Amino acid sequence: MEAVRAVLAVLAHARYGDVLFALEQRADSGTTYTAEVPGTHATRLTALAEPAGITRLANGRIRLTAPALAYLRGLPERLGCRVDDENRLRLAGEPYRLIREPGPAHRRGMP
């Protein structure tokens, strides 16, 4: 019974995004996503210490790794920066469409 209480205490403090982040890191799928956002948002996102895995591309585009996306998915809406249930990056209340890039096998021409 003591072990169950200990596990429940840990889970009560864990964020859903942390769990997804850990699973995505372990999977190491190499899947990435891109989004077009205003330049100021792109600058701020790539300057974040957490999550790792956000890269600024040209013309306000950003690339997110699967672990970065999982981390943002678990953030509370009140923070103004998260991924919603419809796979849109929401920044300051505005939604930006995330586009899944082909995985590494597809980029090498494999099925």
PDB file of N, CA and C in Angstrom:
ATOM      1  N   MET A   1       0.821  -1.190   0.000  1.00  0.00           N
ATOM      2  CA  MET A   1       0.000   0.000   0.000  1.00  0.00           C
ATOM      3  C   MET A   1       0.865   1.254   0.000  1.00  0.00           C
ATOM      4  N   GLU A   2       1.978   1.209   0.723  1.00  0.00           N
ATOM      5  CA  GLU A   2       2.906   2.354   0.772  1.00  0.00           C
ATOM      6  C   GLU A   2       3.478   2.655  -0.612  1.00  0.00           C
ATOM      7  N   ALA A   3       3.796   1.609  -1.376  1.00  0.00           N
ATOM      8  CA  ALA A   3       4.343   1.786  -2.724  1.00  0.00           C
ATOM      9  C   ALA A   3       3.317   2.435  -3.643  1.00  0.00           C
ATOM     10  N   VAL A   4       2.075   2.039  -3.516  1.00  0.00           N
ATOM     11  CA  VAL A   4       0.999   2.615  -4.335  1.00  0.00           C
ATOM     12  C   VAL A   4       0.867   4.100  -4.040  1.00  0.00           C
ATOM     13  N   ARG A   5       0.902   4.478  -2.776  1.00  0.00           N
ATOM     14  CA  ARG A   5       0.816   5.895  -2.407  1.00  0.00           C
ATOM     15  C   ARG A   5       1.996   6.690  -2.960  1.00  0.00           C
ATOM     16  N   ALA A   6       3.173   6.077  -2.932  1.00  0.00           N
ATOM     17  CA  ALA A   6       4.360   6.752  -3.456  1.00  0.00           C
ATOM     18  C   ALA A   6       4.243   6.991  -4.961  1.00  0.00           C
ATOM     19  N   VAL A   7       3.780   5.996  -5.691  1.00  0.00           N
ATOM     20  CA  VAL A   7       3.598   6.131  -7.140  1.00  0.00           C
ATOM     21  C   VAL A   7       2.536   7.185  -7.439  1.00  0.00           C
ATOM     22  N   LEU A   8       1.436   7.163  -6.719  1.00  0.00           N
ATOM     23  CA  LEU A   8       0.379   8.158  -6.924  1.00  0.00           C
ATOM     24  C   LEU A   8       0.871   9.570  -6.625  1.00  0.00           C
ATOM     25  N   ALA A   9       1.715   9.721  -5.636  1.00  0.00           N
ATOM     26  CA  ALA A   9       2.277  11.036  -5.309  1.00  0.00           C
ATOM     27  C   ALA A   9       3.144  11.553  -6.452  1.00  0.00           C
ATOM     28  N   VAL A  10       3.948  10.676  -7.038  1.00  0.00           N
ATOM     29  CA  VAL A  10       4.789  11.072  -8.168  1.00  0.00           C
ATOM     30  C   VAL A  10       3.928  11.441  -9.364  1.00  0.00           C
ATOM     31  N   LEU A  11       2.937  10.621  -9.662  1.00  0.00           N
ATOM     32  CA  LEU A  11       2.063  10.888 -10.804  1.00  0.00           C
ATOM     33  C   LEU A  11       1.256  12.171 -10.629  1.00  0.00           C
ATOM     34  N   ALA A  12       0.926  12.503  -9.413  1.00  0.00           N
ATOM     35  CA  ALA A  12       0.165  13.730  -9.159  1.00  0.00           C
ATOM     36  C   ALA A  12       0.985  14.962  -9.530  1.00  0.00           C
ATOM     37  N   HIS A  13       2.307  14.855  -9.442  1.00  0.00           N
ATOM     38  CA  HIS A  13       3.169  15.991  -9.760  1.00  0.00           C
ATOM     39  C   HIS A  13       3.710  15.953 -11.189  1.00  0.00           C
ATOM     40  N   ALA A  14       3.574  14.839 -11.865  1.00  0.00           N
ATOM     41  CA  ALA A  14       4.080  14.717 -13.234  1.00  0.00           C
ATOM     42  C   ALA A  14       3.115  15.392 -14.198  1.00  0.00           C
ATOM     43  N   ARG A  15       3.670  15.961 -15.248  1.00  0.00           N
ATOM     44  CA  ARG A  15       2.832  16.545 -16.287  1.00  0.00           C
ATOM     45  C   ARG A  15       2.706  15.539 -17.407  1.00  0.00           C
ATOM     46  N   TYR A  16       1.568  15.568 -18.075  1.00  0.00           N
ATOM     47  CA  TYR A  16       1.315  14.671 -19.200  1.00  0.00           C
ATOM     48  C   TYR A  16       2.396  14.842 -20.261  1.00  0.00           C
ATOM     49  N   GLY A  17       2.800  16.090 -20.532  1.00  0.00           N
ATOM     50  CA  GLY A  17       3.833  16.357 -21.525  1.00  0.00           C
ATOM     51  C   GLY A  17       5.160  15.735 -21.164  1.00  0.00           C
ATOM     52  N   ASP A  18       5.473  15.675 -19.872  1.00  0.00           N
ATOM     53  CA  ASP A  18       6.727  15.051 -19.445  1.00  0.00           C
ATOM     54  C   ASP A  18       6.736  13.571 -19.795  1.00  0.00           C
ATOM     55  N   VAL A  19       5.613  12.933 -19.611  1.00  0.00           N
ATOM     56  CA  VAL A  19       5.498  11.502 -19.924  1.00  0.00           C
ATOM     57  C   VAL A  19       5.634  11.296 -21.430  1.00  0.00           C
ATOM     58  N   LEU A  20       4.913  12.103 -22.232  1.00  0.00           N
ATOM     59  CA  LEU A  20       5.011  11.992 -23.684  1.00  0.00           C
ATOM     60  C   LEU A  20       6.432  12.277 -24.161  1.00  0.00           C
ATOM     61  N   PHE A  21       7.047  13.297 -23.558  1.00  0.00           N
ATOM     62  CA  PHE A  21       8.414  13.659 -23.912  1.00  0.00           C
ATOM     63  C   PHE A  21       9.357  12.479 -23.700  1.00  0.00           C
ATOM     64  N   ALA A  22       9.253  11.842 -22.554  1.00  0.00           N
ATOM     65  CA  ALA A  22      10.112  10.692 -22.240  1.00  0.00           C
ATOM     66  C   ALA A  22       9.874   9.550 -23.224  1.00  0.00           C
ATOM     67  N   LEU A  23       8.615   9.284 -23.555  1.00  0.00           N
ATOM     68  CA  LEU A  23       8.298   8.209 -24.501  1.00  0.00           C
ATOM     69  C   LEU A  23       8.850   8.515 -25.890  1.00  0.00           C
ATOM     70  N   GLU A  24       8.699   9.756 -26.337  1.00  0.00           N
ATOM     71  CA  GLU A  24       9.204  10.139 -27.656  1.00  0.00           C
ATOM     72  C   GLU A  24      10.725  10.061 -27.711  1.00  0.00           C
ATOM     73  N   GLN A  25      11.394  10.456 -26.635  1.00  0.00           N
ATOM     74  CA  GLN A  25      12.849  10.374 -26.610  1.00  0.00           C
ATOM     75  C   GLN A  25      13.311   8.927 -26.690  1.00  0.00           C
ATOM     76  N   ARG A  26      12.607   8.061 -25.977  1.00  0.00           N
ATOM     77  CA  ARG A  26      12.977   6.646 -25.988  1.00  0.00           C
ATOM     78  C   ARG A  26      12.747   6.026 -27.356  1.00  0.00           C
ATOM     79  N   ALA A  27      11.670   6.450 -28.034  1.00  0.00           N
ATOM     80  CA  ALA A  27      11.339   5.908 -29.349  1.00  0.00           C
ATOM     81  C   ALA A  27      12.364   6.345 -30.402  1.00  0.00           C
ATOM     82  N   ASP A  28      12.926   7.557 -30.237  1.00  0.00           N
ATOM     83  CA  ASP A  28      13.932   8.088 -31.146  1.00  0.00           C
ATOM     84  C   ASP A  28      13.510   7.911 -32.607  1.00  0.00           C
ATOM     85  N   SER A  29      12.278   8.336 -32.910  1.00  0.00           N
ATOM     86  CA  SER A  29      11.726   8.134 -34.242  1.00  0.00           C
ATOM     87  C   SER A  29      12.311   9.066 -35.289  1.00  0.00           C
ATOM     88  N   GLY A  30      12.859  10.196 -34.868  1.00  0.00           N
ATOM     89  CA  GLY A  30      13.394  11.144 -35.832  1.00  0.00           C
ATOM     90  C   GLY A  30      12.317  11.945 -36.539  1.00  0.00           C
ATOM     91  N   THR A  31      11.067  11.782 -36.147  1.00  0.00           N
ATOM     92  CA  THR A  31       9.975  12.522 -36.755  1.00  0.00           C
ATOM     93  C   THR A  31      10.080  13.990 -36.378  1.00  0.00           C
ATOM     94  N   THR A  32       9.859  14.858 -37.352  1.00  0.00           N
ATOM     95  CA  THR A  32       9.877  16.288 -37.095  1.00  0.00           C
ATOM     96  C   THR A  32       8.615  16.923 -37.671  1.00  0.00           C
ATOM     97  N   TYR A  33       8.336  18.118 -37.187  1.00  0.00           N
ATOM     98  CA  TYR A  33       7.162  18.878 -37.608  1.00  0.00           C
ATOM     99  C   TYR A  33       7.605  20.299 -37.916  1.00  0.00           C
ATOM    100  N   THR A  34       6.930  20.952 -38.851  1.00  0.00           N
ATOM    101  CA  THR A  34       7.217  22.350 -39.137  1.00  0.00           C
ATOM    102  C   THR A  34       5.951  23.175 -38.979  1.00  0.00           C
ATOM    103  N   ALA A  35       6.154  24.460 -38.745  1.00  0.00           N
ATOM    104  CA  ALA A  35       5.045  25.408 -38.655  1.00  0.00           C
ATOM    105  C   ALA A  35       5.547  26.764 -39.115  1.00  0.00           C
ATOM    106  N   GLU A  36       4.662  27.541 -39.722  1.00  0.00           N
ATOM    107  CA  GLU A  36       4.986  28.911 -40.083  1.00  0.00           C
ATOM    108  C   GLU A  36       4.382  29.817 -39.023  1.00  0.00           C
ATOM    109  N   VAL A  37       5.240  30.578 -38.361  1.00  0.00           N
ATOM    110  CA  VAL A  37       4.804  31.481 -37.291  1.00  0.00           C
ATOM    111  C   VAL A  37       5.431  32.850 -37.536  1.00  0.00           C
ATOM    112  N   PRO A  38       4.871  33.911 -36.934  1.00  0.00           N
ATOM    113  CA  PRO A  38       5.512  35.217 -37.062  1.00  0.00           C
ATOM    114  C   PRO A  38       6.960  35.172 -36.556  1.00  0.00           C
ATOM    115  N   GLY A  39       7.813  35.996 -37.139  1.00  0.00           N
ATOM    116  CA  GLY A  39       9.234  36.002 -36.799  1.00  0.00           C
ATOM    117  C   GLY A  39       9.521  36.176 -35.324  1.00  0.00           C
ATOM    118  N   THR A  40       8.728  37.009 -34.641  1.00  0.00           N
ATOM    119  CA  THR A  40       8.965  37.214 -33.201  1.00  0.00           C
ATOM    120  C   THR A  40       8.709  35.932 -32.422  1.00  0.00           C
ATOM    121  N   HIS A  41       7.669  35.186 -32.812  1.00  0.00           N
ATOM    122  CA  HIS A  41       7.390  33.908 -32.143  1.00  0.00           C
ATOM    123  C   HIS A  41       8.507  32.905 -32.429  1.00  0.00           C
ATOM    124  N   ALA A  42       8.990  32.881 -33.669  1.00  0.00           N
ATOM    125  CA  ALA A  42      10.067  31.950 -34.033  1.00  0.00           C
ATOM    126  C   ALA A  42      11.312  32.236 -33.192  1.00  0.00           C
ATOM    127  N   THR A  43      11.617  33.503 -33.028  1.00  0.00           N
ATOM    128  CA  THR A  43      12.788  33.893 -32.234  1.00  0.00           C
ATOM    129  C   THR A  43      12.625  33.458 -30.777  1.00  0.00           C
ATOM    130  N   ARG A  44      11.459  33.719 -30.217  1.00  0.00           N
ATOM    131  CA  ARG A  44      11.225  33.356 -28.812  1.00  0.00           C
ATOM    132  C   ARG A  44      11.256  31.852 -28.596  1.00  0.00           C
ATOM    133  N   LEU A  45      10.621  31.105 -29.506  1.00  0.00           N
ATOM    134  CA  LEU A  45      10.579  29.644 -29.345  1.00  0.00           C
ATOM    135  C   LEU A  45      11.966  29.025 -29.397  1.00  0.00           C
ATOM    136  N   THR A  46      12.783  29.479 -30.324  1.00  0.00           N
ATOM    137  CA  THR A  46      14.109  28.874 -30.448  1.00  0.00           C
ATOM    138  C   THR A  46      15.044  29.318 -29.328  1.00  0.00           C
ATOM    139  N   ALA A  47      14.688  30.365 -28.611  1.00  0.00           N
ATOM    140  CA  ALA A  47      15.513  30.832 -27.488  1.00  0.00           C
ATOM    141  C   ALA A  47      15.152  30.137 -26.173  1.00  0.00           C
ATOM    142  N   LEU A  48      14.058  29.371 -26.150  1.00  0.00           N
ATOM    143  CA  LEU A  48      13.635  28.692 -24.926  1.00  0.00           C
ATOM    144  C   LEU A  48      14.689  27.671 -24.480  1.00  0.00           C
ATOM    145  N   ALA A  49      14.906  27.618 -23.176  1.00  0.00           N
ATOM    146  CA  ALA A  49      15.814  26.606 -22.636  1.00  0.00           C
ATOM    147  C   ALA A  49      15.154  25.228 -22.669  1.00  0.00           C
ATOM    148  N   GLU A  50      13.860  25.210 -22.561  1.00  0.00           N
ATOM    149  CA  GLU A  50      13.100  23.956 -22.550  1.00  0.00           C
ATOM    150  C   GLU A  50      11.839  24.161 -23.366  1.00  0.00           C
ATOM    151  N   PRO A  51      11.490  23.332 -24.268  1.00  0.00           N
ATOM    152  CA  PRO A  51      12.121  22.061 -24.599  1.00  0.00           C
ATOM    153  C   PRO A  51      13.238  22.235 -25.629  1.00  0.00           C
ATOM    154  N   ALA A  52      14.157  21.317 -25.612  1.00  0.00           N
ATOM    155  CA  ALA A  52      15.169  21.256 -26.665  1.00  0.00           C
ATOM    156  C   ALA A  52      14.491  20.715 -27.914  1.00  0.00           C
ATOM    157  N   GLY A  53      15.040  21.007 -29.063  1.00  0.00           N
ATOM    158  CA  GLY A  53      14.494  20.419 -30.291  1.00  0.00           C
ATOM    159  C   GLY A  53      13.653  21.360 -31.119  1.00  0.00           C
ATOM    160  N   ILE A  54      13.782  22.679 -30.926  1.00  0.00           N
ATOM    161  CA  ILE A  54      13.082  23.639 -31.770  1.00  0.00           C
ATOM    162  C   ILE A  54      14.141  24.428 -32.538  1.00  0.00           C
ATOM    163  N   THR A  55      14.035  24.393 -33.858  1.00  0.00           N
ATOM    164  CA  THR A  55      15.011  25.047 -34.725  1.00  0.00           C
ATOM    165  C   THR A  55      14.317  26.076 -35.592  1.00  0.00           C
ATOM    166  N   ARG A  56      14.948  27.226 -35.741  1.00  0.00           N
ATOM    167  CA  ARG A  56      14.399  28.262 -36.611  1.00  0.00           C
ATOM    168  C   ARG A  56      14.879  28.021 -38.034  1.00  0.00           C
ATOM    169  N   LEU A  57      13.944  28.033 -38.966  1.00  0.00           N
ATOM    170  CA  LEU A  57      14.255  27.908 -40.381  1.00  0.00           C
ATOM    171  C   LEU A  57      14.059  29.284 -41.027  1.00  0.00           C
ATOM    172  N   ALA A  58      14.088  29.382 -42.304  1.00  0.00           N
ATOM    173  CA  ALA A  58      13.916  30.656 -42.995  1.00  0.00           C
ATOM    174  C   ALA A  58      12.450  31.110 -42.987  1.00  0.00           C
ATOM    175  N   ASN A  59      12.250  32.402 -43.081  1.00  0.00           N
ATOM    176  CA  ASN A  59      10.931  33.016 -43.271  1.00  0.00           C
ATOM    177  C   ASN A  59       9.911  32.661 -42.191  1.00  0.00           C
ATOM    178  N   GLY A  60      10.325  32.652 -40.930  1.00  0.00           N
ATOM    179  CA  GLY A  60       9.391  32.412 -39.839  1.00  0.00           C
ATOM    180  C   GLY A  60       8.977  30.965 -39.648  1.00  0.00           C
ATOM    181  N   ARG A  61       9.603  30.060 -40.365  1.00  0.00           N
ATOM    182  CA  ARG A  61       9.289  28.642 -40.180  1.00  0.00           C
ATOM    183  C   ARG A  61      10.151  28.094 -39.060  1.00  0.00           C
ATOM    184  N   ILE A  62       9.572  27.167 -38.325  1.00  0.00           N
ATOM    185  CA  ILE A  62      10.297  26.470 -37.269  1.00  0.00           C
ATOM    186  C   ILE A  62      10.142  24.972 -37.464  1.00  0.00           C
ATOM    187  N   ARG A  63      11.110  24.222 -36.948  1.00  0.00           N
ATOM    188  CA  ARG A  63      11.046  22.763 -36.973  1.00  0.00           C
ATOM    189  C   ARG A  63      11.080  22.287 -35.530  1.00  0.00           C
ATOM    190  N   LEU A  64      10.174  21.364 -35.201  1.00  0.00           N
ATOM    191  CA  LEU A  64      10.102  20.791 -33.865  1.00  0.00           C
ATOM    192  C   LEU A  64      10.327  19.291 -33.951  1.00  0.00           C
ATOM    193  N   THR A  65      11.128  18.770 -33.048  1.00  0.00           N
ATOM    194  CA  THR A  65      11.281  17.320 -32.959  1.00  0.00           C
ATOM    195  C   THR A  65      10.043  16.752 -32.265  1.00  0.00           C
ATOM    196  N   ALA A  66       9.851  15.448 -32.379  1.00  0.00           N
ATOM    197  CA  ALA A  66       8.716  14.803 -31.719  1.00  0.00           C
ATOM    198  C   ALA A  66       8.751  14.998 -30.199  1.00  0.00           C
ATOM    199  N   PRO A  67       9.928  14.896 -29.546  1.00  0.00           N
ATOM    200  CA  PRO A  67       9.945  15.166 -28.107  1.00  0.00           C
ATOM    201  C   PRO A  67       9.557  16.610 -27.758  1.00  0.00           C
ATOM    202  N   ALA A  68       9.985  17.579 -28.566  1.00  0.00           N
ATOM    203  CA  ALA A  68       9.610  18.973 -28.306  1.00  0.00           C
ATOM    204  C   ALA A  68       8.099  19.152 -28.449  1.00  0.00           C
ATOM    205  N   LEU A  69       7.536  18.531 -29.478  1.00  0.00           N
ATOM    206  CA  LEU A  69       6.091  18.600 -29.683  1.00  0.00           C
ATOM    207  C   LEU A  69       5.356  17.965 -28.503  1.00  0.00           C
ATOM    208  N   ALA A  70       5.839  16.822 -28.039  1.00  0.00           N
ATOM    209  CA  ALA A  70       5.210  16.147 -26.898  1.00  0.00           C
ATOM    210  C   ALA A  70       5.267  17.020 -25.654  1.00  0.00           C
ATOM    211  N   TYR A  71       6.380  17.678 -25.440  1.00  0.00           N
ATOM    212  CA  TYR A  71       6.515  18.571 -24.281  1.00  0.00           C
ATOM    213  C   TYR A  71       5.496  19.712 -24.358  1.00  0.00           C
ATOM    214  N   LEU A  72       5.389  20.344 -25.528  1.00  0.00           N
ATOM    215  CA  LEU A  72       4.448  21.452 -25.685  1.00  0.00           C
ATOM    216  C   LEU A  72       2.998  20.997 -25.581  1.00  0.00           C
ATOM    217  N   ARG A  73       2.746  19.753 -25.945  1.00  0.00           N
ATOM    218  CA  ARG A  73       1.376  19.221 -25.851  1.00  0.00           C
ATOM    219  C   ARG A  73       0.901  19.163 -24.391  1.00  0.00           C
ATOM    220  N   GLY A  74       1.825  18.982 -23.473  1.00  0.00           N
ATOM    221  CA  GLY A  74       1.450  18.838 -22.071  1.00  0.00           C
ATOM    222  C   GLY A  74       1.375  20.138 -21.292  1.00  0.00           C
ATOM    223  N   LEU A  75       1.711  21.257 -21.918  1.00  0.00           N
ATOM    224  CA  LEU A  75       1.676  22.521 -21.188  1.00  0.00           C
ATOM    225  C   LEU A  75       0.241  23.011 -21.000  1.00  0.00           C
ATOM    226  N   PRO A  76      -0.034  23.682 -19.900  1.00  0.00           N
ATOM    227  CA  PRO A  76      -1.383  24.206 -19.685  1.00  0.00           C
ATOM    228  C   PRO A  76      -1.700  25.358 -20.639  1.00  0.00           C
ATOM    229  N   GLU A  77      -2.947  25.475 -21.002  1.00  0.00           N
ATOM    230  CA  GLU A  77      -3.403  26.491 -21.953  1.00  0.00           C
ATOM    231  C   GLU A  77      -3.080  27.909 -21.481  1.00  0.00           C
ATOM    232  N   ARG A  78      -3.108  28.126 -20.185  1.00  0.00           N
ATOM    233  CA  ARG A  78      -2.900  29.466 -19.635  1.00  0.00           C
ATOM    234  C   ARG A  78      -1.517  30.031 -19.937  1.00  0.00           C
ATOM    235  N   LEU A  79      -0.558  29.185 -20.292  1.00  0.00           N
ATOM    236  CA  LEU A  79       0.788  29.666 -20.598  1.00  0.00           C
ATOM    237  C   LEU A  79       0.877  30.348 -21.963  1.00  0.00           C
ATOM    238  N   GLY A  80      -0.096  30.103 -22.827  1.00  0.00           N
ATOM    239  CA  GLY A  80      -0.121  30.757 -24.127  1.00  0.00           C
ATOM    240  C   GLY A  80       0.807  30.154 -25.170  1.00  0.00           C
ATOM    241  N   CYS A  81       1.422  29.036 -24.857  1.00  0.00           N
ATOM    242  CA  CYS A  81       2.310  28.352 -25.794  1.00  0.00           C
ATOM    243  C   CYS A  81       2.139  26.857 -25.568  1.00  0.00           C
ATOM    244  N   ARG A  82       1.457  26.210 -26.498  1.00  0.00           N
ATOM    245  CA  ARG A  82       1.221  24.776 -26.347  1.00  0.00           C
ATOM    246  C   ARG A  82       0.753  24.190 -27.664  1.00  0.00           C
ATOM    247  N   VAL A  83       0.678  22.872 -27.735  1.00  0.00           N
ATOM    248  CA  VAL A  83       0.099  22.171 -28.873  1.00  0.00           C
ATOM    249  C   VAL A  83      -1.247  21.641 -28.427  1.00  0.00           C
ATOM    250  N   ASP A  84      -2.287  21.936 -29.202  1.00  0.00           N
ATOM    251  CA  ASP A  84      -3.642  21.523 -28.811  1.00  0.00           C
ATOM    252  C   ASP A  84      -3.981  20.127 -29.331  1.00  0.00           C
ATOM    253  N   ASP A  85      -5.216  19.707 -29.068  1.00  0.00           N
ATOM    254  CA  ASP A  85      -5.667  18.365 -29.452  1.00  0.00           C
ATOM    255  C   ASP A  85      -5.796  18.182 -30.960  1.00  0.00           C
ATOM    256  N   GLU A  86      -5.800  19.284 -31.706  1.00  0.00           N
ATOM    257  CA  GLU A  86      -5.917  19.209 -33.163  1.00  0.00           C
ATOM    258  C   GLU A  86      -4.561  19.399 -33.848  1.00  0.00           C
ATOM    259  N   ASN A  87      -3.485  19.171 -33.098  1.00  0.00           N
ATOM    260  CA  ASN A  87      -2.110  19.299 -33.597  1.00  0.00           C
ATOM    261  C   ASN A  87      -1.833  20.677 -34.189  1.00  0.00           C
ATOM    262  N   ARG A  88      -2.285  21.700 -33.495  1.00  0.00           N
ATOM    263  CA  ARG A  88      -1.956  23.071 -33.868  1.00  0.00           C
ATOM    264  C   ARG A  88      -1.105  23.669 -32.764  1.00  0.00           C
ATOM    265  N   LEU A  89      -0.087  24.391 -33.157  1.00  0.00           N
ATOM    266  CA  LEU A  89       0.737  25.116 -32.211  1.00  0.00           C
ATOM    267  C   LEU A  89      -0.008  26.401 -31.881  1.00  0.00           C
ATOM    268  N   ARG A  90      -0.330  26.588 -30.616  1.00  0.00           N
ATOM    269  CA  ARG A  90      -1.060  27.776 -30.193  1.00  0.00           C
ATOM    270  C   ARG A  90      -0.103  28.709 -29.476  1.00  0.00           C
ATOM    271  N   LEU A  91       0.041  29.907 -30.031  1.00  0.00           N
ATOM    272  CA  LEU A  91       0.922  30.924 -29.472  1.00  0.00           C
ATOM    273  C   LEU A  91       0.123  32.200 -29.269  1.00  0.00           C
ATOM    274  N   ALA A  92       0.052  32.657 -28.034  1.00  0.00           N
ATOM    275  CA  ALA A  92      -0.698  33.877 -27.697  1.00  0.00           C
ATOM    276  C   ALA A  92      -2.122  33.820 -28.244  1.00  0.00           C
ATOM    277  N   GLY A  93      -2.728  32.635 -28.179  1.00  0.00           N
ATOM    278  CA  GLY A  93      -4.117  32.466 -28.601  1.00  0.00           C
ATOM    279  C   GLY A  93      -4.309  32.183 -30.078  1.00  0.00           C
ATOM    280  N   GLU A  94      -3.280  32.342 -30.886  1.00  0.00           N
ATOM    281  CA  GLU A  94      -3.385  32.103 -32.326  1.00  0.00           C
ATOM    282  C   GLU A  94      -2.924  30.696 -32.679  1.00  0.00           C
ATOM    283  N   PRO A  95      -3.696  29.974 -33.520  1.00  0.00           N
ATOM    284  CA  PRO A  95      -3.289  28.623 -33.910  1.00  0.00           C
ATOM    285  C   PRO A  95      -2.421  28.643 -35.176  1.00  0.00           C
ATOM    286  N   TYR A  96      -1.405  27.778 -35.191  1.00  0.00           N
ATOM    287  CA  TYR A  96      -0.539  27.618 -36.353  1.00  0.00           C
ATOM    288  C   TYR A  96      -0.468  26.134 -36.687  1.00  0.00           C
ATOM    289  N   ARG A  97      -0.730  25.814 -37.938  1.00  0.00           N
ATOM    290  CA  ARG A  97      -0.796  24.429 -38.372  1.00  0.00           C
ATOM    291  C   ARG A  97       0.584  23.771 -38.320  1.00  0.00           C
ATOM    292  N   LEU A  98       0.636  22.584 -37.736  1.00  0.00           N
ATOM    293  CA  LEU A  98       1.857  21.779 -37.707  1.00  0.00           C
ATOM    294  C   LEU A  98       1.811  20.788 -38.864  1.00  0.00           C
ATOM    295  N   ILE A  99       2.898  20.702 -39.574  1.00  0.00           N
ATOM    296  CA  ILE A  99       2.989  19.777 -40.701  1.00  0.00           C
ATOM    297  C   ILE A  99       4.030  18.721 -40.357  1.00  0.00           C
ATOM    298  N   ARG A 100       3.603  17.476 -40.381  1.00  0.00           N
ATOM    299  CA  ARG A 100       4.525  16.374 -40.072  1.00  0.00           C
ATOM    300  C   ARG A 100       5.399  16.120 -41.279  1.00  0.00           C
ATOM    301  N   GLU A 101       6.701  16.099 -41.047  1.00  0.00           N
ATOM    302  CA  GLU A 101       7.642  15.811 -42.114  1.00  0.00           C
ATOM    303  C   GLU A 101       7.831  14.303 -42.211  1.00  0.00           C
ATOM    304  N   PRO A 102       8.195  13.823 -43.382  1.00  0.00           N
ATOM    305  CA  PRO A 102       8.427  12.380 -43.510  1.00  0.00           C
ATOM    306  C   PRO A 102       9.528  11.926 -42.560  1.00  0.00           C
ATOM    307  N   GLY A 103       9.388  10.714 -42.040  1.00  0.00           N
ATOM    308  CA  GLY A 103      10.398  10.139 -41.154  1.00  0.00           C
ATOM    309  C   GLY A 103      11.691   9.871 -41.896  1.00  0.00           C
ATOM    310  N   PRO A 104      12.752   9.530 -41.177  1.00  0.00           N
ATOM    311  CA  PRO A 104      14.067   9.311 -41.794  1.00  0.00           C
ATOM    312  C   PRO A 104      14.058   8.248 -42.887  1.00  0.00           C
ATOM    313  N   ALA A 105      13.304   7.173 -42.694  1.00  0.00           N
ATOM    314  CA  ALA A 105      13.263   6.104 -43.697  1.00  0.00           C
ATOM    315  C   ALA A 105      12.668   6.624 -45.001  1.00  0.00           C
ATOM    316  N   HIS A 106      11.612   7.434 -44.920  1.00  0.00           N
ATOM    317  CA  HIS A 106      10.989   7.984 -46.113  1.00  0.00           C
ATOM    318  C   HIS A 106      11.906   8.997 -46.801  1.00  0.00           C
ATOM    319  N   ARG A 107      12.673   9.744 -46.016  1.00  0.00           N
ATOM    320  CA  ARG A 107      13.589  10.718 -46.613  1.00  0.00           C
ATOM    321  C   ARG A 107      14.709  10.016 -47.374  1.00  0.00           C
ATOM    322  N   ARG A 108      15.029   8.784 -46.995  1.00  0.00           N
ATOM    323  CA  ARG A 108      16.075   8.022 -47.692  1.00  0.00           C
ATOM    324  C   ARG A 108      15.492   7.207 -48.851  1.00  0.00           C
ATOM    325  N   GLY A 109      14.190   7.332 -49.096  1.00  0.00           N
ATOM    326  CA  GLY A 109      13.563   6.615 -50.186  1.00  0.00           C
ATOM    327  C   GLY A 109      13.105   5.220 -49.826  1.00  0.00           C
ATOM    328  N   MET A 110      13.066   4.882 -48.539  1.00  0.00           N
ATOM    329  CA  MET A 110      12.613   3.570 -48.104  1.00  0.00           C
ATOM    330  C   MET A 110      11.125   3.640 -47.831  1.00  0.00           C
ATOM    331  N   PRO A 111      10.400   2.528 -47.908  1.00  0.00           N
ATOM    332  CA  PRO A 111       8.952   2.538 -47.634  1.00  0.00           C
ATOM    333  C   PRO A 111       8.644   2.831 -46.189  1.00  0.00           C
TER     334      PRO A 111
END
